[in-house]
PDB file of N, CA and C in Angstrom:
ATOM      1  N   MET A   1     111.720  92.096 104.448  1.00  0.00           N
ATOM      2  CA  MET A   1     111.756  92.524 103.354  1.00  0.00           C
ATOM      3  C   MET A   1     113.756  92.354 102.903  1.00  0.00           C
ATOM      4  N   GLY A   2     114.461  92.039 101.960  1.00  0.00           N
ATOM      5  CA  GLY A   2     115.848  92.228 101.776  1.00  0.00           C
ATOM      6  C   GLY A   2     115.511  92.129  99.959  1.00  0.00           C
ATOM      7  N   SER A   3     116.994  92.317  99.870  1.00  0.00           N
ATOM      8  CA  SER A   3     117.479  92.339  98.453  1.00  0.00           C
ATOM      9  C   SER A   3     116.972  91.027  97.887  1.00  0.00           C
ATOM     10  N   ALA A   4     116.910  91.212  96.110  1.00  0.00           N
ATOM     11  CA  ALA A   4     116.085  90.261  95.929  1.00  0.00           C
ATOM     12  C   ALA A   4     116.939  88.242  96.195  1.00  0.00           C
ATOM     13  N   ASP A   5     117.880  88.469  96.005  1.00  0.00           N
ATOM     14  CA  ASP A   5     119.534  87.351  95.932  1.00  0.00           C
ATOM     15  C   ASP A   5     119.575  87.131  98.068  1.00  0.00           C
ATOM     16  N   TRP A   6     118.505  87.645  98.666  1.00  0.00           N
ATOM     17  CA  TRP A   6     118.550  87.624 100.108  1.00  0.00           C
ATOM     18  C   TRP A   6     120.374  87.572 100.771  1.00  0.00           C
ATOM     19  N   GLN A   7     120.838  88.243 100.121  1.00  0.00           N
ATOM     20  CA  GLN A   7     122.272  88.776 100.331  1.00  0.00           C
ATOM     21  C   GLN A   7     122.453  89.963 101.596  1.00  0.00           C
ATOM     22  N   PRO A   8     123.144  90.217 102.252  1.00  0.00           N
ATOM     23  CA  PRO A   8     123.169  90.881 103.322  1.00  0.00           C
ATOM     24  C   PRO A   8     123.225  92.502 102.327  1.00  0.00           C
ATOM     25  N   TYR A   9     122.856  93.213 103.067  1.00  0.00           N
ATOM     26  CA  TYR A   9     122.517  94.738 102.759  1.00  0.00           C
ATOM     27  C   TYR A   9     122.837  95.683 104.578  1.00  0.00           C
ATOM     28  N   CYS A  10     123.766  96.590 103.779  1.00  0.00           N
ATOM     29  CA  CYS A  10     123.662  98.275 104.278  1.00  0.00           C
ATOM     30  C   CYS A  10     122.733  99.224 104.926  1.00  0.00           C
ATOM     31  N   VAL A  11     121.927  99.617 106.029  1.00  0.00           N
ATOM     32  CA  VAL A  11     120.827  99.986 105.121  1.00  0.00           C
ATOM     33  C   VAL A  11     122.258 101.266 105.693  1.00  0.00           C
ATOM     34  N   ALA A  12     122.179 102.990 105.278  1.00  0.00           N
ATOM     35  CA  ALA A  12     122.224 104.222 105.410  1.00  0.00           C
ATOM     36  C   ALA A  12     121.822 104.675 106.851  1.00  0.00           C
ATOM     37  N   GLY A  13     122.319 105.084 108.166  1.00  0.00           N
ATOM     38  CA  GLY A  13     122.144 105.857 108.776  1.00  0.00           C
ATOM     39  C   GLY A  13     123.714 107.180 109.524  1.00  0.00           C
ATOM     40  N   ILE A  14     123.067 107.498 110.263  1.00  0.00           N
ATOM     41  CA  ILE A  14     123.563 108.454 110.704  1.00  0.00           C
ATOM     42  C   ILE A  14     123.703 108.161 112.150  1.00  0.00           C
ATOM     43  N   TRP A  15     125.107 108.922 113.096  1.00  0.00           N
ATOM     44  CA  TRP A  15     124.988 108.793 114.464  1.00  0.00           C
ATOM     45  C   TRP A  15     125.590 110.201 115.336  1.00  0.00           C
ATOM     46  N   ARG A  16     125.132 110.294 116.390  1.00  0.00           N
ATOM     47  CA  ARG A  16     126.505 110.907 117.162  1.00  0.00           C
ATOM     48  C   ARG A  16     126.465 110.754 118.001  1.00  0.00           C
ATOM     49  N   ARG A  17     127.897 111.417 118.999  1.00  0.00           N
ATOM     50  CA  ARG A  17     128.099 110.808 120.485  1.00  0.00           C
ATOM     51  C   ARG A  17     127.553 112.484 121.405  1.00  0.00           C
ATOM     52  N   TYR A  18     127.244 112.379 122.135  1.00  0.00           N
ATOM     53  CA  TYR A  18     126.591 113.332 123.465  1.00  0.00           C
ATOM     54  C   TYR A  18     127.139 113.248 124.694  1.00  0.00           C
ATOM     55  N   GLU A  19     127.129 114.584 125.329  1.00  0.00           N
ATOM     56  CA  GLU A  19     127.288 113.825 126.199  1.00  0.00           C
ATOM     57  C   GLU A  19     125.640 113.672 127.022  1.00  0.00           C
ATOM     58  N   GLY A  20     125.522 112.615 128.287  1.00  0.00           N
ATOM     59  CA  GLY A  20     123.428 112.924 128.531  1.00  0.00           C
ATOM     60  C   GLY A  20     123.758 113.161 130.222  1.00  0.00           C
ATOM     61  N   ASP A  21     123.196 113.016 131.213  1.00  0.00           N
ATOM     62  CA  ASP A  21     122.991 113.768 132.139  1.00  0.00           C
ATOM     63  C   ASP A  21     124.342 112.655 132.853  1.00  0.00           C
ATOM     64  N   GLY A  22     124.620 114.019 133.878  1.00  0.00           N
ATOM     65  CA  GLY A  22     126.190 113.477 134.667  1.00  0.00           C
ATOM     66  C   GLY A  22     126.743 113.073 134.067  1.00  0.00           C
ATOM     67  N   ALA A  23     127.317 113.381 133.146  1.00  0.00           N
ATOM     68  CA  ALA A  23     128.245 114.017 131.384  1.00  0.00           C
ATOM     69  C   ALA A  23     128.805 112.779 131.351  1.00  0.00           C
ATOM     70  N   ARG A  24     127.587 111.007 131.365  1.00  0.00           N
ATOM     71  CA  ARG A  24     127.817 110.249 130.773  1.00  0.00           C
ATOM     72  C   ARG A  24     128.064 110.608 129.144  1.00  0.00           C
ATOM     73  N   THR A  25     128.690 109.319 128.457  1.00  0.00           N
ATOM     74  CA  THR A  25     128.899 109.665 127.065  1.00  0.00           C
ATOM     75  C   THR A  25     127.688 108.771 126.517  1.00  0.00           C
ATOM     76  N   LEU A  26     126.762 108.901 125.575  1.00  0.00           N
ATOM     77  CA  LEU A  26     126.039 108.244 125.205  1.00  0.00           C
ATOM     78  C   LEU A  26     125.957 108.219 124.059  1.00  0.00           C
ATOM     79  N   ILE A  27     125.871 107.714 122.747  1.00  0.00           N
ATOM     80  CA  ILE A  27     125.805 107.597 121.378  1.00  0.00           C
ATOM     81  C   ILE A  27     124.408 107.776 121.108  1.00  0.00           C
ATOM     82  N   GLY A  28     123.630 108.429 119.800  1.00  0.00           N
ATOM     83  CA  GLY A  28     122.580 108.819 119.676  1.00  0.00           C
ATOM     84  C   GLY A  28     121.958 107.897 117.836  1.00  0.00           C
ATOM     85  N   MET A  29     122.143 107.199 117.265  1.00  0.00           N
ATOM     86  CA  MET A  29     121.983 106.383 115.931  1.00  0.00           C
ATOM     87  C   MET A  29     120.693 107.049 115.159  1.00  0.00           C
ATOM     88  N   SER A  30     120.493 106.559 114.277  1.00  0.00           N
ATOM     89  CA  SER A  30     118.902 106.542 112.874  1.00  0.00           C
ATOM     90  C   SER A  30     119.629 105.853 111.505  1.00  0.00           C
ATOM     91  N   MET A  31     118.704 105.353 111.244  1.00  0.00           N
ATOM     92  CA  MET A  31     118.514 104.984 110.519  1.00  0.00           C
ATOM     93  C   MET A  31     118.044 105.695 108.551  1.00  0.00           C
ATOM     94  N   LEU A  32     118.489 105.871 107.865  1.00  0.00           N
ATOM     95  CA  LEU A  32     117.664 107.466 106.912  1.00  0.00           C
ATOM     96  C   LEU A  32     116.568 106.457 105.942  1.00  0.00           C
ATOM     97  N   THR A  33     115.268 106.716 106.166  1.00  0.00           N
ATOM     98  CA  THR A  33     114.228 106.642 104.774  1.00  0.00           C
ATOM     99  C   THR A  33     113.849 107.746 103.892  1.00  0.00           C
ATOM    100  N   VAL A  34     113.142 106.601 103.082  1.00  0.00           N
ATOM    101  CA  VAL A  34     112.636 107.643 102.036  1.00  0.00           C
ATOM    102  C   VAL A  34     111.484 107.559 101.619  1.00  0.00           C
ATOM    103  N   ASN A  35     110.540 108.422 101.003  1.00  0.00           N
ATOM    104  CA  ASN A  35     109.515 108.361 100.653  1.00  0.00           C
ATOM    105  C   ASN A  35     109.065 106.639  99.431  1.00  0.00           C
ATOM    106  N   ALA A  36     108.176 105.894 100.048  1.00  0.00           N
ATOM    107  CA  ALA A  36     107.928 104.268  98.727  1.00  0.00           C
ATOM    108  C   ALA A  36     106.930 104.820  98.167  1.00  0.00           C
ATOM    109  N   ASP A  37     106.414 105.718  98.520  1.00  0.00           N
ATOM    110  CA  ASP A  37     104.947 105.442  97.956  1.00  0.00           C
ATOM    111  C   ASP A  37     105.411 105.219  96.217  1.00  0.00           C
ATOM    112  N   GLY A  38     104.071 103.995  95.681  1.00  0.00           N
ATOM    113  CA  GLY A  38     104.592 103.499  94.477  1.00  0.00           C
ATOM    114  C   GLY A  38     105.562 102.564  94.505  1.00  0.00           C
ATOM    115  N   HIS A  39     105.984 102.231  95.292  1.00  0.00           N
ATOM    116  CA  HIS A  39     107.025 101.133  95.396  1.00  0.00           C
ATOM    117  C   HIS A  39     106.201  99.778  95.193  1.00  0.00           C
ATOM    118  N   GLY A  40     106.986  99.098  93.901  1.00  0.00           N
ATOM    119  CA  GLY A  40     106.330  97.714  93.894  1.00  0.00           C
ATOM    120  C   GLY A  40     106.380  96.764  95.025  1.00  0.00           C
ATOM    121  N   VAL A  41     107.489  97.394  96.315  1.00  0.00           N
ATOM    122  CA  VAL A  41     107.163  95.815  97.587  1.00  0.00           C
ATOM    123  C   VAL A  41     107.218  96.909  98.696  1.00  0.00           C
ATOM    124  N   MET A  42     108.930  98.055  99.047  1.00  0.00           N
ATOM    125  CA  MET A  42     108.007  99.114  99.800  1.00  0.00           C
ATOM    126  C   MET A  42     106.491  99.561 100.026  1.00  0.00           C
ATOM    127  N   GLY A  43     105.590  99.766  99.135  1.00  0.00           N
ATOM    128  CA  GLY A  43     104.310 100.426  98.477  1.00  0.00           C
ATOM    129  C   GLY A  43     103.662  99.799  99.914  1.00  0.00           C
ATOM    130  N   ARG A  44     103.775  97.885 100.168  1.00  0.00           N
ATOM    131  CA  ARG A  44     103.208  97.361 100.743  1.00  0.00           C
ATOM    132  C   ARG A  44     103.404  96.778 102.093  1.00  0.00           C
ATOM    133  N   MET A  45     104.259  97.885 102.907  1.00  0.00           N
ATOM    134  CA  MET A  45     104.644  97.122 103.983  1.00  0.00           C
ATOM    135  C   MET A  45     103.936  98.195 104.922  1.00  0.00           C
ATOM    136  N   HIS A  46     103.026  99.392 104.568  1.00  0.00           N
ATOM    137  CA  HIS A  46     102.013 100.029 105.266  1.00  0.00           C
ATOM    138  C   HIS A  46     100.784 100.236 104.956  1.00  0.00           C
ATOM    139  N   LYS A  47     100.046 100.577 106.332  1.00  0.00           N
ATOM    140  CA  LYS A  47      98.333 100.414 106.426  1.00  0.00           C
ATOM    141  C   LYS A  47      97.867 101.883 104.993  1.00  0.00           C
ATOM    142  N   PRO A  48      96.760 101.465 104.057  1.00  0.00           N
ATOM    143  CA  PRO A  48      96.811 102.075 103.281  1.00  0.00           C
ATOM    144  C   PRO A  48      96.070 103.515 103.683  1.00  0.00           C
ATOM    145  N   GLY A  49      96.687 104.666 103.378  1.00  0.00           N
ATOM    146  CA  GLY A  49      96.857 105.847 104.055  1.00  0.00           C
ATOM    147  C   GLY A  49      97.492 106.431 104.141  1.00  0.00           C
ATOM    148  N   ASP A  50      98.541 105.300 105.493  1.00  0.00           N
ATOM    149  CA  ASP A  50      99.772 105.624 105.360  1.00  0.00           C
ATOM    150  C   ASP A  50     100.577 106.441 104.609  1.00  0.00           C
ATOM    151  N   GLU A  51     101.651 106.921 105.297  1.00  0.00           N
ATOM    152  CA  GLU A  51     102.961 107.351 104.191  1.00  0.00           C
ATOM    153  C   GLU A  51     103.597 105.869 104.077  1.00  0.00           C
ATOM    154  N   LYS A  52     104.223 106.021 102.815  1.00  0.00           N
ATOM    155  CA  LYS A  52     105.114 104.420 102.406  1.00  0.00           C
ATOM    156  C   LYS A  52     106.416 104.938 102.812  1.00  0.00           C
ATOM    157  N   ARG A  53     107.545 104.071 103.390  1.00  0.00           N
ATOM    158  CA  ARG A  53     108.488 104.492 104.363  1.00  0.00           C
ATOM    159  C   ARG A  53     109.153 103.372 103.383  1.00  0.00           C
ATOM    160  N   SER A  54     110.987 103.544 103.358  1.00  0.00           N
ATOM    161  CA  SER A  54     111.974 102.517 102.631  1.00  0.00           C
ATOM    162  C   SER A  54     113.336 102.814 103.360  1.00  0.00           C
ATOM    163  N   VAL A  55     113.589 102.123 104.258  1.00  0.00           N
ATOM    164  CA  VAL A  55     114.968 102.439 105.245  1.00  0.00           C
ATOM    165  C   VAL A  55     115.831 102.650 103.447  1.00  0.00           C
ATOM    166  N   VAL A  56     116.812 103.409 103.399  1.00  0.00           N
ATOM    167  CA  VAL A  56     118.184 103.370 101.862  1.00  0.00           C
ATOM    168  C   VAL A  56     118.976 102.612 102.235  1.00  0.00           C
ATOM    169  N   ILE A  57     118.794 102.213 100.668  1.00  0.00           N
ATOM    170  CA  ILE A  57     119.825 100.927 101.293  1.00  0.00           C
ATOM    171  C   ILE A  57     120.187 101.183 100.387  1.00  0.00           C
ATOM    172  N   LEU A  58     121.996 100.895 100.680  1.00  0.00           N
ATOM    173  CA  LEU A  58     123.036 101.035 100.610  1.00  0.00           C
ATOM    174  C   LEU A  58     124.092 100.284  99.563  1.00  0.00           C
ATOM    175  N   ARG A  59     124.467 100.197  97.994  1.00  0.00           N
ATOM    176  CA  ARG A  59     124.961  99.332  97.027  1.00  0.00           C
ATOM    177  C   ARG A  59     126.625  99.066  97.951  1.00  0.00           C
ATOM    178  N   PRO A  60     126.959  98.366  97.941  1.00  0.00           N
ATOM    179  CA  PRO A  60     128.386  97.958  98.116  1.00  0.00           C
ATOM    180  C   PRO A  60     128.997  98.878  97.964  1.00  0.00           C
ATOM    181  N   ALA A  61     129.761  99.250  96.707  1.00  0.00           N
ATOM    182  CA  ALA A  61     130.408 100.218  95.991  1.00  0.00           C
ATOM    183  C   ALA A  61     129.919 101.433  96.820  1.00  0.00           C
ATOM    184  N   ASP A  62     128.948 101.524  96.841  1.00  0.00           N
ATOM    185  CA  ASP A  62     128.882 102.751  97.783  1.00  0.00           C
ATOM    186  C   ASP A  62     129.230 103.020  99.636  1.00  0.00           C
ATOM    187  N   TYR A  63     129.480 101.539  99.992  1.00  0.00           N
ATOM    188  CA  TYR A  63     130.156 101.196 101.180  1.00  0.00           C
ATOM    189  C   TYR A  63     130.971 102.927 101.984  1.00  0.00           C
ATOM    190  N   ASP A  64     132.275 102.345 101.261  1.00  0.00           N
ATOM    191  CA  ASP A  64     133.484 103.440 101.720  1.00  0.00           C
ATOM    192  C   ASP A  64     133.284 104.982 101.859  1.00  0.00           C
ATOM    193  N   GLU A  65     132.463 104.745 100.660  1.00  0.00           N
ATOM    194  CA  GLU A  65     132.207 106.971 100.135  1.00  0.00           C
ATOM    195  C   GLU A  65     131.113 107.399 101.608  1.00  0.00           C
ATOM    196  N   TRP A  66     129.847 106.754 101.514  1.00  0.00           N
ATOM    197  CA  TRP A  66     128.993 106.437 102.909  1.00  0.00           C
ATOM    198  C   TRP A  66     129.807 106.971 104.119  1.00  0.00           C
ATOM    199  N   LEU A  67     131.032 106.231 104.731  1.00  0.00           N
ATOM    200  CA  LEU A  67     131.258 106.371 105.751  1.00  0.00           C
ATOM    201  C   LEU A  67     132.385 107.145 105.713  1.00  0.00           C
ATOM    202  N   HIS A  68     132.751 108.308 104.999  1.00  0.00           N
ATOM    203  CA  HIS A  68     134.044 109.064 104.572  1.00  0.00           C
ATOM    204  C   HIS A  68     133.354 110.220 104.092  1.00  0.00           C
ATOM    205  N   THR A  69     132.922 110.045 103.060  1.00  0.00           N
ATOM    206  CA  THR A  69     132.876 111.486 102.590  1.00  0.00           C
ATOM    207  C   THR A  69     132.548 112.933 103.040  1.00  0.00           C
ATOM    208  N   MET A  70     132.727 114.081 103.500  1.00  0.00           N
ATOM    209  CA  MET A  70     132.804 115.017 103.298  1.00  0.00           C
ATOM    210  C   MET A  70     131.501 115.766 102.914  1.00  0.00           C
ATOM    211  N   ASN A  71     131.666 115.516 101.383  1.00  0.00           N
ATOM    212  CA  ASN A  71     130.407 116.056 100.287  1.00  0.00           C
ATOM    213  C   ASN A  71     129.102 115.814 101.043  1.00  0.00           C
ATOM    214  N   VAL A  72     128.541 116.687 101.022  1.00  0.00           N
ATOM    215  CA  VAL A  72     126.927 116.488 101.072  1.00  0.00           C
ATOM    216  C   VAL A  72     125.975 116.252  99.884  1.00  0.00           C
ATOM    217  N   GLU A  73     127.335 116.502  98.366  1.00  0.00           N
ATOM    218  CA  GLU A  73     126.243 116.693  97.760  1.00  0.00           C
ATOM    219  C   GLU A  73     126.640 114.829  97.389  1.00  0.00           C
ATOM    220  N   ALA A  74     127.512 114.836  97.525  1.00  0.00           N
ATOM    221  CA  ALA A  74     128.052 112.635  97.404  1.00  0.00           C
ATOM    222  C   ALA A  74     126.906 112.277  98.383  1.00  0.00           C
ATOM    223  N   ALA A  75     126.985 111.979  99.379  1.00  0.00           N
ATOM    224  CA  ALA A  75     126.244 111.185 100.244  1.00  0.00           C
ATOM    225  C   ALA A  75     124.870 111.879 100.202  1.00  0.00           C
ATOM    226  N   ARG A  76     124.328 112.725  99.180  1.00  0.00           N
ATOM    227  CA  ARG A  76     122.687 112.824  99.314  1.00  0.00           C
ATOM    228  C   ARG A  76     122.388 111.939  97.935  1.00  0.00           C
ATOM    229  N   VAL A  77     122.707 111.527  97.103  1.00  0.00           N
ATOM    230  CA  VAL A  77     122.870 111.570  95.942  1.00  0.00           C
ATOM    231  C   VAL A  77     122.943 109.692  96.093  1.00  0.00           C
ATOM    232  N   MET A  78     122.988 109.480  97.165  1.00  0.00           N
ATOM    233  CA  MET A  78     123.206 108.102  97.482  1.00  0.00           C
ATOM    234  C   MET A  78     121.877 107.549  98.608  1.00  0.00           C
ATOM    235  N   LEU A  79     120.899 108.648  98.753  1.00  0.00           N
ATOM    236  CA  LEU A  79     119.378 108.645  99.965  1.00  0.00           C
ATOM    237  C   LEU A  79     118.150 108.653  98.484  1.00  0.00           C
ATOM    238  N   ALA A  80     118.687 107.102  98.012  1.00  0.00           N
ATOM    239  CA  ALA A  80     117.855 106.876  97.007  1.00  0.00           C
ATOM    240  C   ALA A  80     117.029 105.833  96.919  1.00  0.00           C
ATOM    241  N   LEU A  81     115.864 105.871  96.692  1.00  0.00           N
ATOM    242  CA  LEU A  81     114.577 103.795  97.528  1.00  0.00           C
ATOM    243  C   LEU A  81     115.705 103.032  96.515  1.00  0.00           C
ATOM    244  N   TYR A  82     116.206 101.797  96.733  1.00  0.00           N
ATOM    245  CA  TYR A  82     115.963 100.856  96.212  1.00  0.00           C
ATOM    246  C   TYR A  82     114.987 100.582  94.996  1.00  0.00           C
ATOM    247  N   PRO A  83     115.784  99.815  94.065  1.00  0.00           N
ATOM    248  CA  PRO A  83     114.574  99.670  92.988  1.00  0.00           C
ATOM    249  C   PRO A  83     113.953  98.605  93.016  1.00  0.00           C
ATOM    250  N   ALA A  84     113.046  97.763  92.911  1.00  0.00           N
ATOM    251  CA  ALA A  84     111.805  97.442  92.931  1.00  0.00           C
ATOM    252  C   ALA A  84     111.930  96.094  93.010  1.00  0.00           C
ATOM    253  N   ASP A  85     112.408  95.758  91.451  1.00  0.00           N
ATOM    254  CA  ASP A  85     112.944  95.174  90.909  1.00  0.00           C
ATOM    255  C   ASP A  85     114.511  94.455  91.351  1.00  0.00           C
ATOM    256  N   GLU A  86     115.162  94.835  92.125  1.00  0.00           N
ATOM    257  CA  GLU A  86     115.938  94.009  93.290  1.00  0.00           C
ATOM    258  C   GLU A  86     115.741  94.117  94.737  1.00  0.00           C
ATOM    259  N   ALA A  87     114.680  93.215  95.047  1.00  0.00           N
ATOM    260  CA  ALA A  87     114.056  94.035  96.401  1.00  0.00           C
ATOM    261  C   ALA A  87     112.571  92.890  96.494  1.00  0.00           C
ATOM    262  N   THR A  88     113.060  92.187  97.226  1.00  0.00           N
ATOM    263  CA  THR A  88     111.785  91.308  97.746  1.00  0.00           C
ATOM    264  C   THR A  88     111.441  91.040  98.788  1.00  0.00           C
ATOM    265  N   ALA A  89     110.296  90.732  99.786  1.00  0.00           N
ATOM    266  CA  ALA A  89     110.175  90.141 100.917  1.00  0.00           C
ATOM    267  C   ALA A  89     108.972  89.195 101.462  1.00  0.00           C
ATOM    268  N   GLU A  90     108.803  88.633 102.349  1.00  0.00           N
ATOM    269  CA  GLU A  90     107.521  87.501 102.349  1.00  0.00           C
ATOM    270  C   GLU A  90     107.422  88.285 103.906  1.00  0.00           C
ATOM    271  N   PRO A  91     106.486  87.116 104.803  1.00  0.00           N
ATOM    272  CA  PRO A  91     105.709  87.476 105.808  1.00  0.00           C
ATOM    273  C   PRO A  91     107.080  87.113 107.074  1.00  0.00           C
ATOM    274  N   ALA A  92     106.873  87.597 108.211  1.00  0.00           N
ATOM    275  CA  ALA A  92     107.902  86.997 108.916  1.00  0.00           C
ATOM    276  C   ALA A  92     106.229  85.791 109.483  1.00  0.00           C
ATOM    277  N   LEU A  93     108.209  85.423 110.404  1.00  0.00           N
ATOM    278  CA  LEU A  93     107.502  84.097 111.009  1.00  0.00           C
ATOM    279  C   LEU A  93     107.019  84.056 111.901  1.00  0.00           C
ATOM    280  N   ARG A  94     105.547  83.574 112.403  1.00  0.00           N
ATOM    281  CA  ARG A  94     104.886  83.987 113.756  1.00  0.00           C
ATOM    282  C   ARG A  94     105.549  84.165 114.959  1.00  0.00           C
ATOM    283  N   SER A  95     106.376  83.575 115.362  1.00  0.00           N
ATOM    284  CA  SER A  95     107.102  83.540 116.393  1.00  0.00           C
ATOM    285  C   SER A  95     107.611  84.992 116.439  1.00  0.00           C
ATOM    286  N   ILE A  96     108.601  85.185 115.346  1.00  0.00           N
ATOM    287  CA  ILE A  96     109.428  86.595 114.809  1.00  0.00           C
ATOM    288  C   ILE A  96     108.332  88.048 115.637  1.00  0.00           C
ATOM    289  N   GLN A  97     106.549  87.560 114.799  1.00  0.00           N
ATOM    290  CA  GLN A  97     106.202  88.469 115.245  1.00  0.00           C
ATOM    291  C   GLN A  97     105.569  88.736 115.853  1.00  0.00           C
ATOM    292  N   GLU A  98     105.002  87.683 117.134  1.00  0.00           N
ATOM    293  CA  GLU A  98     105.247  87.821 118.667  1.00  0.00           C
ATOM    294  C   GLU A  98     105.610  88.730 119.799  1.00  0.00           C
ATOM    295  N   ALA A  99     107.112  88.622 118.657  1.00  0.00           N
ATOM    296  CA  ALA A  99     108.479  88.832 120.089  1.00  0.00           C
ATOM    297  C   ALA A  99     108.403  90.412 120.517  1.00  0.00           C
TER     298      ALA A  99
END
């Protein structure tokens, strides 16, 4: 899955540093997803009957704000489904599928 022109893109994520066992510092992170029911590309990525989800793809103009904003509402606006007409997908190479 990627942008229609196959250019690199940024996925919205969150992270947190915390203390693990033995006072070891760990970093946890997660990619954010949104519902993708009815999406022309991401709607095909899950089994029938399963909830359709997609990672949140940020637009280049939003990168700096995503990384630095303290405004929760400004961040929430960026949590949107990438438009289907700007996305594409193709089957993975067999060597990748078997990895």
